[in-house]
């Protein structure tokens, strides 16, 4: 289907900093799951909106953003960061939509440090 292929092409583009072999593996997994499941996932994401309750969040929060993410604007994480006191907002250069796969050593270190500082 043309729409699924367009979505898959945009996913491939959003993985621009991922090792090509890993990128192909991830895209193959999308194919294995299939377009219907991908569509339902996107619909669920669109319907999930807790923005009116985000200020109630008391759990320590680490937001990690790849600055080269073509899929969503930086205001998304910034709005959450500004709404949650004490949250940490990390912006990673040379990283797109999948910083955990693009810069795993940096992401893992940041998560370890964040968890170590939770009181």
N, C-alpha and C. Protein backbone atom coordinates (compact mmCIF):
# COMPACT_ATOMS: atom_id res chain seq x y z
N UNK A 1 0.84 -1.18 0.00
CA UNK A 1 0.00 0.00 0.00
C UNK A 1 0.89 1.25 0.00
N UNK A 2 0.51 2.22 -0.79
CA UNK A 2 1.32 3.43 -0.97
C UNK A 2 1.44 4.26 0.32
N UNK A 3 0.36 4.36 1.07
CA UNK A 3 0.38 5.13 2.31
C UNK A 3 1.35 4.52 3.32
N UNK A 4 1.30 3.20 3.45
CA UNK A 4 2.22 2.52 4.36
C UNK A 4 3.66 2.73 3.93
N UNK A 5 3.91 2.65 2.62
CA UNK A 5 5.28 2.85 2.13
C UNK A 5 5.75 4.28 2.41
N UNK A 6 4.87 5.25 2.27
CA UNK A 6 5.24 6.64 2.59
C UNK A 6 5.58 6.76 4.07
N UNK A 7 4.76 6.13 4.92
CA UNK A 7 5.03 6.17 6.36
C UNK A 7 6.36 5.49 6.66
N UNK A 8 6.59 4.34 6.03
CA UNK A 8 7.84 3.60 6.25
C UNK A 8 9.04 4.42 5.77
N UNK A 9 8.89 5.12 4.65
CA UNK A 9 9.98 5.99 4.17
C UNK A 9 10.26 7.10 5.17
N UNK A 10 9.20 7.66 5.77
CA UNK A 10 9.42 8.72 6.76
C UNK A 10 10.09 8.15 8.01
N UNK A 11 9.75 6.90 8.37
CA UNK A 11 10.41 6.24 9.50
C UNK A 11 11.89 6.04 9.19
N UNK A 12 12.19 5.60 7.98
CA UNK A 12 13.59 5.39 7.58
C UNK A 12 14.35 6.71 7.67
N UNK A 13 13.72 7.80 7.23
CA UNK A 13 14.36 9.12 7.29
C UNK A 13 14.59 9.53 8.75
N UNK A 14 13.63 9.23 9.62
CA UNK A 14 13.78 9.62 11.02
C UNK A 14 14.84 8.79 11.74
N UNK A 15 15.32 7.73 11.09
CA UNK A 15 16.39 6.89 11.64
C UNK A 15 17.74 7.23 11.01
N UNK A 16 17.90 8.45 10.57
CA UNK A 16 19.09 8.85 9.80
C UNK A 16 20.41 8.63 10.52
N UNK A 17 20.40 8.62 11.84
CA UNK A 17 21.64 8.46 12.60
C UNK A 17 21.84 7.03 13.11
N UNK A 18 20.93 6.13 12.77
CA UNK A 18 21.04 4.74 13.21
C UNK A 18 21.92 3.98 12.22
N UNK A 19 22.72 3.07 12.75
CA UNK A 19 23.54 2.21 11.91
C UNK A 19 22.64 1.58 10.83
N UNK A 20 23.06 1.60 9.57
CA UNK A 20 22.22 1.10 8.48
C UNK A 20 21.70 -0.33 8.69
N UNK A 21 22.51 -1.21 9.24
CA UNK A 21 22.05 -2.59 9.46
C UNK A 21 20.93 -2.63 10.50
N UNK A 22 21.08 -1.87 11.57
CA UNK A 22 20.04 -1.81 12.58
C UNK A 22 18.78 -1.16 12.01
N UNK A 23 18.95 -0.11 11.22
CA UNK A 23 17.81 0.56 10.59
C UNK A 23 17.01 -0.44 9.74
N UNK A 24 17.70 -1.22 8.92
CA UNK A 24 17.02 -2.21 8.09
C UNK A 24 16.30 -3.25 8.95
N UNK A 25 16.93 -3.67 10.03
CA UNK A 25 16.29 -4.63 10.93
C UNK A 25 15.01 -4.04 11.53
N UNK A 26 15.08 -2.80 11.98
CA UNK A 26 13.90 -2.15 12.57
C UNK A 26 12.78 -2.00 11.54
N UNK A 27 13.14 -1.63 10.32
CA UNK A 27 12.13 -1.50 9.27
C UNK A 27 11.54 -2.86 8.91
N UNK A 28 12.36 -3.90 8.93
CA UNK A 28 11.83 -5.25 8.70
C UNK A 28 10.83 -5.63 9.79
N UNK A 29 11.11 -5.21 11.02
CA UNK A 29 10.18 -5.49 12.12
C UNK A 29 8.85 -4.77 11.90
N UNK A 30 8.91 -3.54 11.36
CA UNK A 30 7.67 -2.84 11.03
C UNK A 30 6.87 -3.64 10.01
N UNK A 31 7.56 -4.19 9.01
CA UNK A 31 6.87 -5.00 8.00
C UNK A 31 6.26 -6.25 8.62
N UNK A 32 6.99 -6.87 9.55
CA UNK A 32 6.49 -8.09 10.19
C UNK A 32 5.23 -7.80 11.01
N UNK A 33 5.21 -6.65 11.64
CA UNK A 33 4.04 -6.25 12.44
C UNK A 33 2.87 -5.92 11.51
N UNK A 34 3.18 -5.25 10.42
CA UNK A 34 2.17 -4.95 9.41
C UNK A 34 1.54 -3.58 9.55
N UNK A 35 0.96 -3.10 8.46
CA UNK A 35 0.42 -1.74 8.44
C UNK A 35 -0.80 -1.54 9.33
N UNK A 36 -1.62 -2.56 9.53
CA UNK A 36 -2.81 -2.38 10.37
C UNK A 36 -2.40 -2.10 11.82
N UNK A 37 -1.46 -2.87 12.32
CA UNK A 37 -0.99 -2.65 13.70
C UNK A 37 -0.32 -1.29 13.82
N UNK A 38 0.46 -0.90 12.82
CA UNK A 38 1.12 0.41 12.85
C UNK A 38 0.06 1.52 12.87
N UNK A 39 -0.97 1.37 12.05
CA UNK A 39 -2.04 2.35 11.99
C UNK A 39 -2.74 2.46 13.35
N UNK A 40 -3.08 1.32 13.95
CA UNK A 40 -3.75 1.34 15.25
C UNK A 40 -2.88 1.99 16.31
N UNK A 41 -1.58 1.77 16.23
CA UNK A 41 -0.65 2.39 17.17
C UNK A 41 -0.68 3.91 17.02
N UNK A 42 -0.65 4.40 15.79
CA UNK A 42 -0.69 5.85 15.56
C UNK A 42 -2.01 6.46 16.02
N UNK A 43 -3.11 5.76 15.79
CA UNK A 43 -4.42 6.25 16.25
C UNK A 43 -4.44 6.33 17.77
N UNK A 44 -3.92 5.30 18.44
CA UNK A 44 -3.88 5.30 19.91
C UNK A 44 -3.03 6.45 20.43
N UNK A 45 -1.90 6.71 19.78
CA UNK A 45 -1.04 7.82 20.20
C UNK A 45 -1.78 9.14 20.06
N UNK A 46 -2.50 9.32 18.95
CA UNK A 46 -3.24 10.56 18.73
C UNK A 46 -4.35 10.75 19.77
N UNK A 47 -4.96 9.67 20.20
CA UNK A 47 -6.07 9.76 21.16
C UNK A 47 -5.59 9.94 22.59
N UNK A 48 -4.34 9.59 22.87
CA UNK A 48 -3.82 9.66 24.24
C UNK A 48 -3.37 11.09 24.54
N UNK A 49 -4.16 11.79 25.29
CA UNK A 49 -3.83 13.18 25.62
C UNK A 49 -4.10 13.42 27.10
N UNK A 50 -3.03 13.59 27.84
CA UNK A 50 -3.16 13.87 29.27
C UNK A 50 -2.58 15.26 29.59
N UNK A 51 -2.53 16.11 28.57
CA UNK A 51 -1.91 17.42 28.76
C UNK A 51 -2.60 18.23 29.86
N UNK A 52 -3.88 18.00 30.06
CA UNK A 52 -4.59 18.73 31.12
C UNK A 52 -4.21 18.25 32.52
N UNK A 53 -3.52 17.10 32.61
CA UNK A 53 -3.13 16.56 33.91
C UNK A 53 -1.62 16.52 34.12
N UNK A 54 -0.86 16.98 33.15
CA UNK A 54 0.60 16.83 33.22
C UNK A 54 1.19 17.56 34.42
N UNK A 55 0.58 18.64 34.84
CA UNK A 55 1.11 19.39 35.99
C UNK A 55 0.95 18.61 37.30
N UNK A 56 0.12 17.57 37.30
CA UNK A 56 -0.07 16.75 38.49
C UNK A 56 1.05 15.73 38.67
N UNK A 57 1.88 15.56 37.67
CA UNK A 57 2.94 14.56 37.72
C UNK A 57 3.95 14.90 38.80
N UNK A 58 4.18 13.97 39.71
CA UNK A 58 5.13 14.18 40.80
C UNK A 58 6.36 13.28 40.68
N UNK A 59 6.32 12.34 39.77
CA UNK A 59 7.43 11.41 39.56
C UNK A 59 8.58 12.13 38.85
N UNK A 60 9.82 11.86 39.24
CA UNK A 60 10.96 12.45 38.51
C UNK A 60 10.86 12.11 37.02
N UNK A 61 11.17 13.09 36.20
CA UNK A 61 10.95 12.94 34.76
C UNK A 61 12.19 13.37 33.98
N UNK A 62 12.66 12.49 33.11
CA UNK A 62 13.77 12.78 32.20
C UNK A 62 13.22 12.75 30.79
N UNK A 63 13.31 13.86 30.09
CA UNK A 63 12.88 13.95 28.69
C UNK A 63 14.13 13.98 27.82
N UNK A 64 14.18 13.10 26.83
CA UNK A 64 15.34 13.04 25.94
C UNK A 64 14.84 13.29 24.52
N UNK A 65 15.45 14.28 23.87
CA UNK A 65 15.04 14.64 22.51
C UNK A 65 16.24 14.65 21.58
N UNK A 66 16.08 14.02 20.44
CA UNK A 66 17.06 14.17 19.37
C UNK A 66 16.74 15.46 18.64
N UNK A 67 17.69 16.38 18.58
CA UNK A 67 17.40 17.70 18.01
C UNK A 67 17.09 17.63 16.51
N UNK A 68 17.47 16.54 15.87
CA UNK A 68 17.21 16.40 14.43
C UNK A 68 15.98 15.55 14.14
N UNK A 69 15.09 15.39 15.12
CA UNK A 69 13.88 14.61 14.94
C UNK A 69 12.96 15.32 13.95
N UNK A 70 12.73 14.72 12.77
CA UNK A 70 11.86 15.37 11.80
C UNK A 70 10.38 15.13 12.08
N UNK A 71 10.07 14.27 13.04
CA UNK A 71 8.69 13.85 13.25
C UNK A 71 7.85 14.72 14.15
N UNK A 72 8.48 15.45 15.03
CA UNK A 72 7.69 16.28 15.94
C UNK A 72 8.50 17.50 16.35
N UNK A 73 7.81 18.60 16.63
CA UNK A 73 8.52 19.83 16.98
C UNK A 73 9.09 19.77 18.39
N UNK A 74 10.16 20.53 18.64
CA UNK A 74 10.77 20.53 19.98
C UNK A 74 9.83 21.08 21.05
N UNK A 75 8.83 21.83 20.66
CA UNK A 75 7.90 22.39 21.64
C UNK A 75 7.17 21.29 22.41
N UNK A 76 7.06 20.10 21.83
CA UNK A 76 6.37 18.99 22.49
C UNK A 76 7.01 18.68 23.83
N UNK A 77 8.31 18.37 23.82
CA UNK A 77 8.99 18.07 25.08
C UNK A 77 9.15 19.30 25.95
N UNK A 78 9.39 20.43 25.33
CA UNK A 78 9.58 21.67 26.09
C UNK A 78 8.32 22.01 26.89
N UNK A 79 7.17 21.81 26.31
CA UNK A 79 5.90 22.07 27.01
C UNK A 79 5.77 21.15 28.24
N UNK A 80 6.13 19.89 28.08
CA UNK A 80 6.08 18.96 29.20
C UNK A 80 7.10 19.37 30.26
N UNK A 81 8.31 19.68 29.82
CA UNK A 81 9.38 20.09 30.74
C UNK A 81 8.96 21.31 31.56
N UNK A 82 8.38 22.29 30.90
CA UNK A 82 7.96 23.51 31.59
C UNK A 82 6.80 23.26 32.56
N UNK A 83 6.00 22.23 32.28
CA UNK A 83 4.83 21.95 33.12
C UNK A 83 5.16 21.08 34.33
N UNK A 84 6.30 20.38 34.29
CA UNK A 84 6.64 19.45 35.37
C UNK A 84 7.84 19.98 36.14
N UNK A 85 7.63 20.52 37.33
CA UNK A 85 8.74 21.05 38.12
C UNK A 85 9.80 19.98 38.39
N UNK A 86 11.05 20.37 38.24
CA UNK A 86 12.16 19.46 38.51
C UNK A 86 12.48 18.49 37.40
N UNK A 87 11.74 18.55 36.31
CA UNK A 87 12.03 17.63 35.20
C UNK A 87 13.36 18.02 34.56
N UNK A 88 13.96 17.05 33.90
CA UNK A 88 15.23 17.26 33.21
C UNK A 88 14.98 17.10 31.72
N UNK A 89 15.45 18.06 30.94
CA UNK A 89 15.23 18.05 29.49
C UNK A 89 16.59 17.99 28.81
N UNK A 90 16.87 16.87 28.16
CA UNK A 90 18.14 16.65 27.50
C UNK A 90 17.94 16.68 25.99
N UNK A 91 18.70 17.54 25.32
CA UNK A 91 18.65 17.61 23.86
C UNK A 91 19.95 17.05 23.31
N UNK A 92 19.84 16.04 22.44
CA UNK A 92 21.02 15.38 21.89
C UNK A 92 21.25 15.78 20.44
N UNK A 93 22.45 16.27 20.17
CA UNK A 93 22.86 16.57 18.79
C UNK A 93 23.08 15.25 18.05
N UNK A 94 23.04 15.30 16.73
CA UNK A 94 23.25 14.12 15.89
C UNK A 94 22.35 12.97 16.32
N UNK A 95 21.12 13.32 16.58
CA UNK A 95 20.13 12.33 16.99
C UNK A 95 18.77 12.77 16.50
N UNK A 96 18.00 11.80 16.01
CA UNK A 96 16.67 12.10 15.50
C UNK A 96 15.58 11.57 16.41
N UNK A 97 14.69 10.77 15.84
CA UNK A 97 13.52 10.28 16.55
C UNK A 97 13.82 9.12 17.50
N UNK A 98 14.98 8.49 17.33
CA UNK A 98 15.31 7.30 18.11
C UNK A 98 16.65 7.46 18.82
N UNK A 99 16.79 8.43 19.74
CA UNK A 99 18.08 8.66 20.38
C UNK A 99 18.63 7.44 21.12
N UNK A 100 17.74 6.58 21.62
CA UNK A 100 18.20 5.40 22.36
C UNK A 100 18.91 4.41 21.44
N UNK A 101 18.63 4.45 20.14
CA UNK A 101 19.32 3.58 19.18
C UNK A 101 20.43 4.33 18.46
N UNK A 102 20.31 5.65 18.39
CA UNK A 102 21.30 6.45 17.66
C UNK A 102 22.52 6.79 18.52
N UNK A 103 22.28 7.03 19.79
CA UNK A 103 23.36 7.40 20.71
C UNK A 103 23.19 6.64 22.02
N UNK A 104 23.18 5.31 21.96
CA UNK A 104 22.86 4.52 23.16
C UNK A 104 23.80 4.75 24.33
N UNK A 105 25.08 4.96 24.05
CA UNK A 105 26.02 5.16 25.16
C UNK A 105 25.71 6.44 25.92
N UNK A 106 25.35 7.49 25.21
CA UNK A 106 25.02 8.77 25.85
C UNK A 106 23.69 8.65 26.60
N UNK A 107 22.69 8.08 25.94
CA UNK A 107 21.37 7.93 26.56
C UNK A 107 21.46 7.08 27.82
N UNK A 108 22.16 5.95 27.73
CA UNK A 108 22.28 5.08 28.91
C UNK A 108 22.99 5.78 30.06
N UNK A 109 24.05 6.52 29.76
CA UNK A 109 24.76 7.26 30.80
C UNK A 109 23.86 8.31 31.44
N UNK A 110 23.12 9.04 30.62
CA UNK A 110 22.22 10.07 31.15
C UNK A 110 21.14 9.44 32.03
N UNK A 111 20.60 8.30 31.62
CA UNK A 111 19.59 7.62 32.43
C UNK A 111 20.19 7.16 33.75
N UNK A 112 21.39 6.58 33.69
CA UNK A 112 22.06 6.14 34.92
C UNK A 112 22.27 7.30 35.88
N UNK A 113 22.76 8.43 35.35
CA UNK A 113 23.00 9.60 36.20
C UNK A 113 21.69 10.15 36.76
N UNK A 114 20.67 10.19 35.93
CA UNK A 114 19.36 10.67 36.37
C UNK A 114 18.83 9.81 37.52
N UNK A 115 18.89 8.50 37.33
CA UNK A 115 18.39 7.58 38.37
C UNK A 115 19.22 7.67 39.65
N UNK A 116 20.52 7.88 39.50
CA UNK A 116 21.39 7.98 40.68
C UNK A 116 21.07 9.23 41.50
N UNK A 117 20.53 10.25 40.87
CA UNK A 117 20.24 11.51 41.56
C UNK A 117 18.82 11.59 42.13
N UNK A 118 18.02 10.55 41.90
CA UNK A 118 16.66 10.56 42.45
C UNK A 118 16.73 10.32 43.95
N UNK A 119 16.05 11.16 44.68
CA UNK A 119 16.07 11.05 46.14
C UNK A 119 14.79 10.44 46.64
